[in-house]
Amino acid sequence: MTSALVYDRGLTRADYIVLKNLENDIAQRRDSHSDGKFDGDWDHISSESQTEPQQGGEVDSAAKDIALLKSMRNPADAHFEPTIFVSIDDLPSRLPKSVNKLLLQPFISWARKTARYETDVVFIVHLILYFTTSVPSAILLFRNFNLLHGILHAIMQVYYVGTYTLMMHQHIHQRGVLAKKYATFDKLFPYITDPLMGHTWNSYYYHHVKHHHIEGNGPDDLSSTIRYQRDDISHFLHYVGRFFCLVWLDLPMYFARKGRWGVAVRAAGCEFGTYLFYYTMATFVNKKATIFVYIVPFLLLRLGLMAGNWGQHAFVDPDEPDSDYRSSITLVDVASNRFCFNDGYHTSHHLNPRRHWRDHPIHFLEQRKTYGKEAAILFHNIDFLMITYRLMVKDYEHLAKCMVPLGAQADLTMEGRVEFLKRLTRKFSEEDIRKKFKKQAYLHVLGWRSARATRASTGANARDKFLNENNVIHGNIDYSLRFRKLPAALPNMFRFHKTLDIITLFHKASSPASVRVSNLLKQASTSAQKSATQDAETRREPFELNITEDAPTVDQVQTILEYVGQSGASQVVKGARDDKDALKKFKENKENLLRPLTVDWSNGKAIAGDNESEILKLVNAQK
């Protein structure tokens, strides 16, 4: 079967490089089959079957491509290229030299200092765009409504909303898109622009960061697809309808069930506050303008968000549904990656939610063999919304043509791909869910769900090794996760299991300081358990405590460095000057990690050393 990859002219340079490397991998695997025969059955697609032949030339080519992409996102490198416009690559070379020198370069220099990351000049460009088009247009509509203007305004917002939403996706995960000195504006501008694009205030943050990434399309995820037949339109309509009609209630209730009452109140307050704002603008300012400026974008966005999420999590492996590799997909396409800041790399995002958007293609290239071994799914030349549409019309043949086989998937015929994909869209019964999600606690304890990358890289025995050698201290009981049950005293309304915040101590038993921190955290965990039934305003919230002498993964170290900031790199890795140097030193020698190191994965905080007051402040913080 010959390769039929489509290289759209609109692909980003990174996506083009990714596809070329995948095409080389496919050709390399097929050349290794001397008989030229391929297996049409999906049954052999498993972690154990994913063996890859190695050829030096292809490895060298991939390494050069990875080095190129890294240099293009490194401000200290001569090849550095900030992203300026989503639609144009390498803009300076396309302009007259005088325009580039006198106008573009001074703007880029200013924007690089204004953006949170120097790569993200594009975010400054888009903020300027929204505040010079959307905001003035909305003001004019409220001052002097005109139907044609209202229709054109709504069309403009629909055109903007995808890129804006994924810019805000970076905002909520990276805690802003602007440099720290612009923190006030960074926090306030979404209260102006979010409603214009259809977002209610802060709901994206609470639903996506505080909920979806904690649950990861699992049983407690309000946007989970596992209880639906993902190619059935009636199931899809039920899925969208529930979100449309009940998310205002479901999300606060979710946090209440988890005992996170403060978050529940804030989530409800933001949602109802936005509705009150809509009512006020319609009643006291201009009803018609409110419909076109706020209500139409609101309705369309909610439909788009759920249709997109359906496509992102439509293919779920029935054997390992709690694997990030097997419950989400990767797309290499123009709409998702050029215009939506690499949103197509959804598996990479779930493995590390705080990974910078420019790093997703780099991560994928570096880990593509792991993706293959884990039977991950990758499509090209199709976006999430079109995946949802193709599923609704049961056009698996088109999806099979868009599939880029990873690892042993390259052995499948087109008919084999169709059967493989159909198997991944089946509804899970409640019995299936009870059986298949038993591993979730183990994966959460390793931290931020990116721990699944650890399991994949260290082999199937990692889970058993962890369960046998590591005990979780919960309250005053020391017991293996294999038999862990949540204490009955914890809030457990409506029979939902409680998901606790995860705190990991990277421990060194020979260090007196680390022993002190270990004892402190054990005492705090016991105290938290005893106070679980107290008034929500005064109690210390229970948490899962993982004490380990194992080293974190590179991805986890990168996340920890983001938690502590540039100034904290030297406290995490011995002798590190900055984040880049810290990662380099850690890769050279994992003993360079300074312990004790306490990490609250659920709330994005880390404390290096044995500062008792800081550790207690982290533990005692109301979540």
Foldseek 3Di string as FASTA:
>chain_A
DAADDDDDPQFDPLLVLLVVLLNVQLVQVQVVPVVSAFDAAPVQQALVNQDGDDDDVSVVSLVVSLVLLVLCQDPVHPNHDADAALRDGPVLVVDDVVCCVPPVVVLLVVLCQWWQHSSVSNVVVVVVVCVVPLVVLLVVCLVPNDPVSLVVSLVVLVVCQQLVVLVVLLCLLLVFTTHPVCNVCRVPVCVVVVQQQQHFPCLCNLLVQQACLLQVLAPLRLLRQQQALLLAVVRLCVSLVCCVPPVLPSSLVSCVLQLQNVSSVVNNCRRVVRVVVLVCCLPPTNVVSSCSRGVSSNVVVSVVVSLLVSLQQQFAALQARLALQRRGAAERENVCPSSNLRNRLVSQCSLPVNPHSSCSSSVCSVCLSLSSSRVGWYFYPDHSNVSSVCSNVVVLLVRLSRTSHGRSRSSHDSSSSSVNRSNRRGHDDPVSSVPNCLCVVVCPQLFSNNCSVVDSVVDVCPSVCCQVPWWKQAAPDTHGSVPDDDDPLARRPPNDDHDFWHKEWQADVVDPQRVVVVVLVSVLRNQQVVQRNPDSVPGQHHHIYTYDPDFRDLSVLLLQLSLVDQVCLCLQFPPANGSVSSSVRCVVPVVRGADGKMDRRSVSHIDRTRPPVVVVCVRRDSD
